[in-house]
Amino acid sequence: ERKEQRKAAKRAAAHAEADAFDEPYDDELDDDLLH
């Protein structure tokens, strides 16, 4: 559960970062960040 929460937080941060730059969100980038 903690691992899933960290992943969700990283995804939320990646979404927020993508929104800040007005770029389309890339799921592959999300997977790279998680690994």
PDB file of all heavy atoms in Angstrom:
ATOM      1  N   GLU A   1       0.829  -1.209   0.000  1.00  0.00           N
ATOM      2  CA  GLU A   1       0.000   0.000   0.000  1.00  0.00           C
ATOM      3  C   GLU A   1       0.860   1.254   0.000  1.00  0.00           C
ATOM      4  O   GLU A   1       0.560   2.217  -0.712  1.00  0.00           O
ATOM      5  CB  GLU A   1      -0.934  -0.008   1.212  1.00  0.00           C
ATOM      6  CG  GLU A   1      -2.067  -1.010   1.101  1.00  0.00           C
ATOM      7  CD  GLU A   1      -2.885  -1.131   2.380  1.00  0.00           C
ATOM      8  OE1 GLU A   1      -2.555  -0.447   3.384  1.00  0.00           O
ATOM      9  OE2 GLU A   1      -3.860  -1.898   2.372  1.00  0.00           O
ATOM     10  N   ARG A   2       1.948   1.266   0.800  1.00  0.00           N
ATOM     11  CA  ARG A   2       2.842   2.431   0.813  1.00  0.00           C
ATOM     12  C   ARG A   2       3.489   2.617  -0.555  1.00  0.00           C
ATOM     13  O   ARG A   2       3.624   3.752  -1.042  1.00  0.00           O
ATOM     14  CB  ARG A   2       3.903   2.266   1.897  1.00  0.00           C
ATOM     15  CG  ARG A   2       3.379   2.512   3.296  1.00  0.00           C
ATOM     16  CD  ARG A   2       4.502   2.630   4.300  1.00  0.00           C
ATOM     17  NE  ARG A   2       5.321   1.438   4.360  1.00  0.00           N
ATOM     18  CZ  ARG A   2       5.233   0.496   5.305  1.00  0.00           C
ATOM     19  NH1 ARG A   2       4.335   0.619   6.251  1.00  0.00           N
ATOM     20  NH2 ARG A   2       6.024  -0.553   5.275  1.00  0.00           N
ATOM     21  N   LYS A   3       3.886   1.511  -1.173  1.00  0.00           N
ATOM     22  CA  LYS A   3       4.494   1.581  -2.498  1.00  0.00           C
ATOM     23  C   LYS A   3       3.505   2.154  -3.509  1.00  0.00           C
ATOM     24  O   LYS A   3       3.859   3.010  -4.328  1.00  0.00           O
ATOM     25  CB  LYS A   3       4.949   0.181  -2.924  1.00  0.00           C
ATOM     26  CG  LYS A   3       5.804   0.140  -4.148  1.00  0.00           C
ATOM     27  CD  LYS A   3       6.299  -1.276  -4.394  1.00  0.00           C
ATOM     28  CE  LYS A   3       7.193  -1.342  -5.600  1.00  0.00           C
ATOM     29  NZ  LYS A   3       7.676  -2.708  -5.838  1.00  0.00           N
ATOM     30  N   GLU A   4       2.249   1.693  -3.448  1.00  0.00           N
ATOM     31  CA  GLU A   4       1.213   2.215  -4.336  1.00  0.00           C
ATOM     32  C   GLU A   4       0.975   3.701  -4.074  1.00  0.00           C
ATOM     33  O   GLU A   4       0.781   4.479  -5.010  1.00  0.00           O
ATOM     34  CB  GLU A   4      -0.089   1.429  -4.171  1.00  0.00           C
ATOM     35  CG  GLU A   4      -0.036   0.011  -4.690  1.00  0.00           C
ATOM     36  CD  GLU A   4       0.187  -0.041  -6.185  1.00  0.00           C
ATOM     37  OE1 GLU A   4      -0.376   0.803  -6.907  1.00  0.00           O
ATOM     38  OE2 GLU A   4       0.938  -0.928  -6.630  1.00  0.00           O
ATOM     39  N   GLN A   5       1.000   4.115  -2.818  1.00  0.00           N
ATOM     40  CA  GLN A   5       0.816   5.527  -2.489  1.00  0.00           C
ATOM     41  C   GLN A   5       1.965   6.365  -3.049  1.00  0.00           C
ATOM     42  O   GLN A   5       1.738   7.469  -3.569  1.00  0.00           O
ATOM     43  CB  GLN A   5       0.709   5.722  -0.975  1.00  0.00           C
ATOM     44  CG  GLN A   5      -0.594   5.232  -0.390  1.00  0.00           C
ATOM     45  CD  GLN A   5      -0.613   5.275   1.130  1.00  0.00           C
ATOM     46  OE1 GLN A   5       0.409   5.550   1.762  1.00  0.00           O
ATOM     47  NE2 GLN A   5      -1.772   4.996   1.711  1.00  0.00           N
ATOM     48  N   ARG A   6       3.196   5.855  -2.943  1.00  0.00           N
ATOM     49  CA  ARG A   6       4.351   6.579  -3.514  1.00  0.00           C
ATOM     50  C   ARG A   6       4.212   6.692  -5.021  1.00  0.00           C
ATOM     51  O   ARG A   6       4.474   7.747  -5.605  1.00  0.00           O
ATOM     52  CB  ARG A   6       5.653   5.880  -3.139  1.00  0.00           C
ATOM     53  CG  ARG A   6       6.083   6.135  -1.701  1.00  0.00           C
ATOM     54  CD  ARG A   6       7.504   5.685  -1.469  1.00  0.00           C
ATOM     55  NE  ARG A   6       7.686   4.262  -1.668  1.00  0.00           N
ATOM     56  CZ  ARG A   6       7.735   3.345  -0.704  1.00  0.00           C
ATOM     57  NH1 ARG A   6       7.632   3.726   0.546  1.00  0.00           N
ATOM     58  NH2 ARG A   6       7.902   2.082  -0.984  1.00  0.00           N
ATOM     59  N   LYS A   7       3.786   5.588  -5.671  1.00  0.00           N
ATOM     60  CA  LYS A   7       3.590   5.628  -7.114  1.00  0.00           C
ATOM     61  C   LYS A   7       2.524   6.660  -7.482  1.00  0.00           C
ATOM     62  O   LYS A   7       2.687   7.423  -8.431  1.00  0.00           O
ATOM     63  CB  LYS A   7       3.164   4.251  -7.640  1.00  0.00           C
ATOM     64  CG  LYS A   7       4.272   3.245  -7.727  1.00  0.00           C
ATOM     65  CD  LYS A   7       3.729   1.936  -8.278  1.00  0.00           C
ATOM     66  CE  LYS A   7       4.795   0.865  -8.318  1.00  0.00           C
ATOM     67  NZ  LYS A   7       4.267  -0.399  -8.857  1.00  0.00           N
ATOM     68  N   ALA A   8       1.428   6.677  -6.732  1.00  0.00           N
ATOM     69  CA  ALA A   8       0.359   7.634  -7.000  1.00  0.00           C
ATOM     70  C   ALA A   8       0.855   9.057  -6.801  1.00  0.00           C
ATOM     71  O   ALA A   8       0.526   9.960  -7.591  1.00  0.00           O
ATOM     72  CB  ALA A   8      -0.845   7.357  -6.103  1.00  0.00           C
ATOM     73  N   ALA A   9       1.677   9.267  -5.758  1.00  0.00           N
ATOM     74  CA  ALA A   9       2.223  10.607  -5.521  1.00  0.00           C
ATOM     75  C   ALA A   9       3.155  11.019  -6.652  1.00  0.00           C
ATOM     76  O   ALA A   9       3.132  12.175  -7.103  1.00  0.00           O
ATOM     77  CB  ALA A   9       2.961  10.634  -4.184  1.00  0.00           C
ATOM     78  N   LYS A  10       3.984  10.094  -7.134  1.00  0.00           N
ATOM     79  CA  LYS A  10       4.878  10.399  -8.251  1.00  0.00           C
ATOM     80  C   LYS A  10       4.074  10.715  -9.508  1.00  0.00           C
ATOM     81  O   LYS A  10       4.408  11.643 -10.256  1.00  0.00           O
ATOM     82  CB  LYS A  10       5.832   9.234  -8.516  1.00  0.00           C
ATOM     83  CG  LYS A  10       6.946   9.135  -7.514  1.00  0.00           C
ATOM     84  CD  LYS A  10       7.873   7.995  -7.871  1.00  0.00           C
ATOM     85  CE  LYS A  10       8.973   7.850  -6.845  1.00  0.00           C
ATOM     86  NZ  LYS A  10       9.886   6.752  -7.206  1.00  0.00           N
ATOM     87  N   ARG A  11       3.015   9.969  -9.746  1.00  0.00           N
ATOM     88  CA  ARG A  11       2.167  10.235 -10.914  1.00  0.00           C
ATOM     89  C   ARG A  11       1.511  11.611 -10.796  1.00  0.00           C
ATOM     90  O   ARG A  11       1.435  12.362 -11.763  1.00  0.00           O
ATOM     91  CB  ARG A  11       1.089   9.154 -11.040  1.00  0.00           C
ATOM     92  CG  ARG A  11       1.590   7.880 -11.616  1.00  0.00           C
ATOM     93  CD  ARG A  11       0.425   6.945 -11.959  1.00  0.00           C
ATOM     94  NE  ARG A  11       0.956   5.668 -12.399  1.00  0.00           N
ATOM     95  CZ  ARG A  11       0.710   4.504 -11.833  1.00  0.00           C
ATOM     96  NH1 ARG A  11      -0.095   4.444 -10.796  1.00  0.00           N
ATOM     97  NH2 ARG A  11       1.240   3.408 -12.307  1.00  0.00           N
ATOM     98  N   ALA A  12       1.020  11.909  -9.593  1.00  0.00           N
ATOM     99  CA  ALA A  12       0.388  13.209  -9.386  1.00  0.00           C
ATOM    100  C   ALA A  12       1.400  14.325  -9.607  1.00  0.00           C
ATOM    101  O   ALA A  12       1.083  15.358 -10.225  1.00  0.00           O
ATOM    102  CB  ALA A  12      -0.204  13.286  -7.983  1.00  0.00           C
ATOM    103  N   ALA A  13       2.635  14.114  -9.123  1.00  0.00           N
ATOM    104  CA  ALA A  13       3.674  15.126  -9.326  1.00  0.00           C
ATOM    105  C   ALA A  13       3.998  15.263 -10.808  1.00  0.00           C
ATOM    106  O   ALA A  13       4.185  16.382 -11.319  1.00  0.00           O
ATOM    107  CB  ALA A  13       4.921  14.753  -8.539  1.00  0.00           C
ATOM    108  N   ALA A  14       4.052  14.141 -11.523  1.00  0.00           N
ATOM    109  CA  ALA A  14       4.342  14.182 -12.952  1.00  0.00           C
ATOM    110  C   ALA A  14       3.207  14.876 -13.699  1.00  0.00           C
ATOM    111  O   ALA A  14       3.456  15.668 -14.624  1.00  0.00           O
ATOM    112  CB  ALA A  14       4.544  12.766 -13.487  1.00  0.00           C
ATOM    113  N   HIS A  15       1.981  14.612 -13.303  1.00  0.00           N
ATOM    114  CA  HIS A  15       0.845  15.292 -13.919  1.00  0.00           C
ATOM    115  C   HIS A  15       0.915  16.793 -13.655  1.00  0.00           C
ATOM    116  O   HIS A  15       0.675  17.611 -14.554  1.00  0.00           O
ATOM    117  CB  HIS A  15      -0.480  14.745 -13.388  1.00  0.00           C
ATOM    118  CG  HIS A  15      -0.911  13.457 -14.002  1.00  0.00           C
ATOM    119  ND1 HIS A  15      -1.274  13.353 -15.312  1.00  0.00           N
ATOM    120  CD2 HIS A  15      -1.035  12.203 -13.460  1.00  0.00           C
ATOM    121  CE1 HIS A  15      -1.609  12.107 -15.582  1.00  0.00           C
ATOM    122  NE2 HIS A  15      -1.468  11.378 -14.461  1.00  0.00           N
ATOM    123  N   ALA A  16       1.220  17.141 -12.404  1.00  0.00           N
ATOM    124  CA  ALA A  16       1.309  18.560 -12.049  1.00  0.00           C
ATOM    125  C   ALA A  16       2.422  19.237 -12.831  1.00  0.00           C
ATOM    126  O   ALA A  16       2.276  20.363 -13.303  1.00  0.00           O
ATOM    127  CB  ALA A  16       1.535  18.703 -10.550  1.00  0.00           C
ATOM    128  N   GLU A  17       3.557  18.546 -12.968  1.00  0.00           N
ATOM    129  CA  GLU A  17       4.683  19.099 -13.720  1.00  0.00           C
ATOM    130  C   GLU A  17       4.313  19.263 -15.187  1.00  0.00           C
ATOM    131  O   GLU A  17       4.629  20.286 -15.822  1.00  0.00           O
ATOM    132  CB  GLU A  17       5.892  18.176 -13.584  1.00  0.00           C
ATOM    133  CG  GLU A  17       7.172  18.767 -14.125  1.00  0.00           C
ATOM    134  CD  GLU A  17       8.341  17.828 -13.859  1.00  0.00           C
ATOM    135  OE1 GLU A  17       8.421  17.283 -12.751  1.00  0.00           O
ATOM    136  OE2 GLU A  17       9.150  17.658 -14.790  1.00  0.00           O
ATOM    137  N   ALA A  18       3.622  18.278 -15.751  1.00  0.00           N
ATOM    138  CA  ALA A  18       3.201  18.362 -17.151  1.00  0.00           C
ATOM    139  C   ALA A  18       2.195  19.489 -17.331  1.00  0.00           C
ATOM    140  O   ALA A  18       2.233  20.215 -18.333  1.00  0.00           O
ATOM    141  CB  ALA A  18       2.617  17.049 -17.608  1.00  0.00           C
ATOM    142  N   ASP A  19       1.314  19.676 -16.366  1.00  0.00           N
ATOM    143  CA  ASP A  19       0.342  20.753 -16.451  1.00  0.00           C
ATOM    144  C   ASP A  19       1.024  22.118 -16.343  1.00  0.00           C
ATOM    145  O   ASP A  19       0.595  23.093 -16.961  1.00  0.00           O
ATOM    146  CB  ASP A  19      -0.719  20.621 -15.349  1.00  0.00           C
ATOM    147  CG  ASP A  19      -1.670  19.470 -15.599  1.00  0.00           C
ATOM    148  OD1 ASP A  19      -1.734  18.989 -16.757  1.00  0.00           O
ATOM    149  OD2 ASP A  19      -2.359  19.043 -14.638  1.00  0.00           O
ATOM    150  N   ALA A  20       2.083  22.184 -15.555  1.00  0.00           N
ATOM    151  CA  ALA A  20       2.794  23.446 -15.381  1.00  0.00           C
ATOM    152  C   ALA A  20       3.430  23.901 -16.687  1.00  0.00           C
ATOM    153  O   ALA A  20       3.549  25.092 -16.957  1.00  0.00           O
ATOM    154  CB  ALA A  20       3.850  23.318 -14.301  1.00  0.00           C
ATOM    155  N   PHE A  21       3.860  22.998 -17.516  1.00  0.00           N
ATOM    156  CA  PHE A  21       4.500  23.333 -18.782  1.00  0.00           C
ATOM    157  C   PHE A  21       3.521  23.287 -19.956  1.00  0.00           C
ATOM    158  O   PHE A  21       3.902  23.454 -21.100  1.00  0.00           O
ATOM    159  CB  PHE A  21       5.670  22.387 -19.058  1.00  0.00           C
ATOM    160  CG  PHE A  21       6.804  22.582 -18.113  1.00  0.00           C
ATOM    161  CD1 PHE A  21       7.111  21.618 -17.154  1.00  0.00           C
ATOM    162  CD2 PHE A  21       7.575  23.742 -18.158  1.00  0.00           C
ATOM    163  CE1 PHE A  21       8.159  21.793 -16.284  1.00  0.00           C
ATOM    164  CE2 PHE A  21       8.632  23.912 -17.271  1.00  0.00           C
ATOM    165  CZ  PHE A  21       8.924  22.951 -16.333  1.00  0.00           C
ATOM    166  N   ASP A  22       2.294  23.017 -19.696  1.00  0.00           N
ATOM    167  CA  ASP A  22       1.266  22.908 -20.723  1.00  0.00           C
ATOM    168  C   ASP A  22       1.637  21.908 -21.806  1.00  0.00           C
ATOM    169  O   ASP A  22       1.437  22.127 -22.994  1.00  0.00           O
ATOM    170  CB  ASP A  22       0.971  24.275 -21.364  1.00  0.00           C
ATOM    171  CG  ASP A  22       0.271  25.195 -20.407  1.00  0.00           C
ATOM    172  OD1 ASP A  22      -0.483  24.675 -19.561  1.00  0.00           O
ATOM    173  OD2 ASP A  22       0.476  26.415 -20.514  1.00  0.00           O
ATOM    174  N   GLU A  23       2.221  20.789 -21.359  1.00  0.00           N
ATOM    175  CA  GLU A  23       2.579  19.729 -22.306  1.00  0.00           C
ATOM    176  C   GLU A  23       1.571  18.598 -22.163  1.00  0.00           C
ATOM    177  O   GLU A  23       1.019  18.384 -21.094  1.00  0.00           O
ATOM    178  CB  GLU A  23       3.977  19.176 -21.999  1.00  0.00           C
ATOM    179  CG  GLU A  23       5.081  20.176 -22.179  1.00  0.00           C
ATOM    180  CD  GLU A  23       6.429  19.578 -21.769  1.00  0.00           C
ATOM    181  OE1 GLU A  23       6.472  18.391 -21.382  1.00  0.00           O
ATOM    182  OE2 GLU A  23       7.406  20.307 -21.829  1.00  0.00           O
ATOM    183  N   PRO A  24       1.369  17.852 -23.240  1.00  0.00           N
ATOM    184  CA  PRO A  24       0.488  16.679 -23.101  1.00  0.00           C
ATOM    185  C   PRO A  24       1.147  15.641 -22.197  1.00  0.00           C
ATOM    186  O   PRO A  24       2.368  15.483 -22.208  1.00  0.00           O
ATOM    187  CB  PRO A  24       0.329  16.161 -24.521  1.00  0.00           C
ATOM    188  CG  PRO A  24       1.443  16.748 -25.272  1.00  0.00           C
ATOM    189  CD  PRO A  24       1.869  18.014 -24.578  1.00  0.00           C
ATOM    190  N   TYR A  25       0.348  14.973 -21.409  1.00  0.00           N
ATOM    191  CA  TYR A  25       0.898  13.984 -20.468  1.00  0.00           C
ATOM    192  C   TYR A  25       1.270  12.717 -21.208  1.00  0.00           C
ATOM    193  O   TYR A  25       0.521  12.225 -22.041  1.00  0.00           O
ATOM    194  CB  TYR A  25      -0.134  13.686 -19.370  1.00  0.00           C
ATOM    195  CG  TYR A  25       0.398  12.732 -18.355  1.00  0.00           C
ATOM    196  CD1 TYR A  25       1.338  13.147 -17.441  1.00  0.00           C
ATOM    197  CD2 TYR A  25      -0.022  11.406 -18.322  1.00  0.00           C
ATOM    198  CE1 TYR A  25       1.849  12.275 -16.508  1.00  0.00           C
ATOM    199  CE2 TYR A  25       0.478  10.535 -17.403  1.00  0.00           C
ATOM    200  CZ  TYR A  25       1.412  10.977 -16.494  1.00  0.00           C
ATOM    201  OH  TYR A  25       1.926  10.108 -15.585  1.00  0.00           O
ATOM    202  N   ASP A  26       2.467  12.173 -20.885  1.00  0.00           N
ATOM    203  CA  ASP A  26       2.988  10.974 -21.544  1.00  0.00           C
ATOM    204  C   ASP A  26       3.082   9.857 -20.508  1.00  0.00           C
ATOM    205  O   ASP A  26       3.852   9.955 -19.549  1.00  0.00           O
ATOM    206  CB  ASP A  26       4.358  11.273 -22.137  1.00  0.00           C
ATOM    207  CG  ASP A  26       4.901  10.104 -22.953  1.00  0.00           C
ATOM    208  OD1 ASP A  26       4.116   9.152 -23.199  1.00  0.00           O
ATOM    209  OD2 ASP A  26       6.083  10.140 -23.320  1.00  0.00           O
ATOM    210  N   ASP A  27       2.296   8.790 -20.683  1.00  0.00           N
ATOM    211  CA  ASP A  27       2.313   7.664 -19.740  1.00  0.00           C
ATOM    212  C   ASP A  27       3.659   6.961 -19.717  1.00  0.00           C
ATOM    213  O   ASP A  27       4.070   6.437 -18.681  1.00  0.00           O
ATOM    214  CB  ASP A  27       1.222   6.646 -20.089  1.00  0.00           C
ATOM    215  CG  ASP A  27      -0.153   7.132 -19.664  1.00  0.00           C
ATOM    216  OD1 ASP A  27      -0.204   7.957 -18.723  1.00  0.00           O
ATOM    217  OD2 ASP A  27      -1.146   6.678 -20.249  1.00  0.00           O
ATOM    218  N   GLU A  28       4.368   6.926 -20.832  1.00  0.00           N
ATOM    219  CA  GLU A  28       5.681   6.272 -20.852  1.00  0.00           C
ATOM    220  C   GLU A  28       6.658   7.015 -19.962  1.00  0.00           C
ATOM    221  O   GLU A  28       7.480   6.407 -19.283  1.00  0.00           O
ATOM    222  CB  GLU A  28       6.209   6.203 -22.284  1.00  0.00           C
ATOM    223  CG  GLU A  28       5.441   5.226 -23.149  1.00  0.00           C
ATOM    224  CD  GLU A  28       5.960   5.203 -24.578  1.00  0.00           C
ATOM    225  OE1 GLU A  28       7.057   5.743 -24.831  1.00  0.00           O
ATOM    226  OE2 GLU A  28       5.272   4.618 -25.422  1.00  0.00           O
ATOM    227  N   LEU A  29       6.553   8.340 -19.942  1.00  0.00           N
ATOM    228  CA  LEU A  29       7.401   9.133 -19.062  1.00  0.00           C
ATOM    229  C   LEU A  29       7.101   8.784 -17.614  1.00  0.00           C
ATOM    230  O   LEU A  29       8.002   8.690 -16.782  1.00  0.00           O
ATOM    231  CB  LEU A  29       7.160  10.627 -19.319  1.00  0.00           C
ATOM    232  CG  LEU A  29       7.952  11.599 -18.455  1.00  0.00           C
ATOM    233  CD1 LEU A  29       9.445  11.426 -18.759  1.00  0.00           C
ATOM    234  CD2 LEU A  29       7.517  13.013 -18.702  1.00  0.00           C
ATOM    235  N   ASP A  30       5.821   8.579 -17.321  1.00  0.00           N
ATOM    236  CA  ASP A  30       5.409   8.196 -15.974  1.00  0.00           C
ATOM    237  C   ASP A  30       6.056   6.876 -15.571  1.00  0.00           C
ATOM    238  O   ASP A  30       6.569   6.738 -14.461  1.00  0.00           O
ATOM    239  CB  ASP A  30       3.886   8.086 -15.932  1.00  0.00           C
ATOM    240  CG  ASP A  30       3.342   8.121 -14.522  1.00  0.00           C
ATOM    241  OD1 ASP A  30       4.032   8.649 -13.635  1.00  0.00           O
ATOM    242  OD2 ASP A  30       2.215   7.615 -14.318  1.00  0.00           O
ATOM    243  N   ASP A  31       6.076   5.897 -16.464  1.00  0.00           N
ATOM    244  CA  ASP A  31       6.699   4.611 -16.160  1.00  0.00           C
ATOM    245  C   ASP A  31       8.188   4.772 -15.932  1.00  0.00           C
ATOM    246  O   ASP A  31       8.767   4.137 -15.050  1.00  0.00           O
ATOM    247  CB  ASP A  31       6.445   3.608 -17.295  1.00  0.00           C
ATOM    248  CG  ASP A  31       4.993   3.151 -17.342  1.00  0.00           C
ATOM    249  OD1 ASP A  31       4.320   3.262 -16.289  1.00  0.00           O
ATOM    250  OD2 ASP A  31       4.551   2.683 -18.412  1.00  0.00           O
ATOM    251  N   ASP A  32       8.842   5.646 -16.731  1.00  0.00           N
ATOM    252  CA  ASP A  32      10.280   5.879 -16.533  1.00  0.00           C
ATOM    253  C   ASP A  32      10.547   6.467 -15.162  1.00  0.00           C
ATOM    254  O   ASP A  32      11.505   6.098 -14.480  1.00  0.00           O
ATOM    255  CB  ASP A  32      10.817   6.824 -17.628  1.00  0.00           C
ATOM    256  CG  ASP A  32      10.849   6.148 -18.994  1.00  0.00           C
ATOM    257  OD1 ASP A  32      10.810   4.895 -19.011  1.00  0.00           O
ATOM    258  OD2 ASP A  32      10.908   6.871 -20.009  1.00  0.00           O
ATOM    259  N   LEU A  33       9.709   7.404 -14.736  1.00  0.00           N
ATOM    260  CA  LEU A  33       9.890   8.014 -13.424  1.00  0.00           C
ATOM    261  C   LEU A  33       9.716   6.992 -12.302  1.00  0.00           C
ATOM    262  O   LEU A  33      10.406   7.042 -11.297  1.00  0.00           O
ATOM    263  CB  LEU A  33       8.891   9.157 -13.224  1.00  0.00           C
ATOM    264  CG  LEU A  33       9.167  10.442 -14.001  1.00  0.00           C
ATOM    265  CD1 LEU A  33       8.010  11.411 -13.803  1.00  0.00           C
ATOM    266  CD2 LEU A  33      10.469  11.059 -13.565  1.00  0.00           C
ATOM    267  N   LEU A  34       8.811   6.088 -12.490  1.00  0.00           N
ATOM    268  CA  LEU A  34       8.561   5.091 -11.448  1.00  0.00           C
ATOM    269  C   LEU A  34       9.712   4.105 -11.322  1.00  0.00           C
ATOM    270  O   LEU A  34       9.988   3.595 -10.237  1.00  0.00           O
ATOM    271  CB  LEU A  34       7.260   4.332 -11.732  1.00  0.00           C
ATOM    272  CG  LEU A  34       5.984   5.140 -11.547  1.00  0.00           C
ATOM    273  CD1 LEU A  34       4.780   4.296 -11.944  1.00  0.00           C
ATOM    274  CD2 LEU A  34       5.840   5.594 -10.114  1.00  0.00           C
ATOM    275  N   HIS A  35      10.404   3.829 -12.404  1.00  0.00           N
ATOM    276  CA  HIS A  35      11.475   2.835 -12.348  1.00  0.00           C
ATOM    277  C   HIS A  35      12.793   3.416 -11.882  1.00  0.00           C
ATOM    278  O   HIS A  35      13.692   2.683 -11.504  1.00  0.00           O
ATOM    279  CB  HIS A  35      11.649   2.157 -13.713  1.00  0.00           C
ATOM    280  CG  HIS A  35      10.481   1.285 -14.061  1.00  0.00           C
ATOM    281  ND1 HIS A  35      10.108   0.224 -13.287  1.00  0.00           N
ATOM    282  CD2 HIS A  35       9.572   1.345 -15.072  1.00  0.00           C
ATOM    283  CE1 HIS A  35       9.036  -0.357 -13.813  1.00  0.00           C
ATOM    284  NE2 HIS A  35       8.688   0.323 -14.910  1.00  0.00           N
TER     285      HIS A  35
END
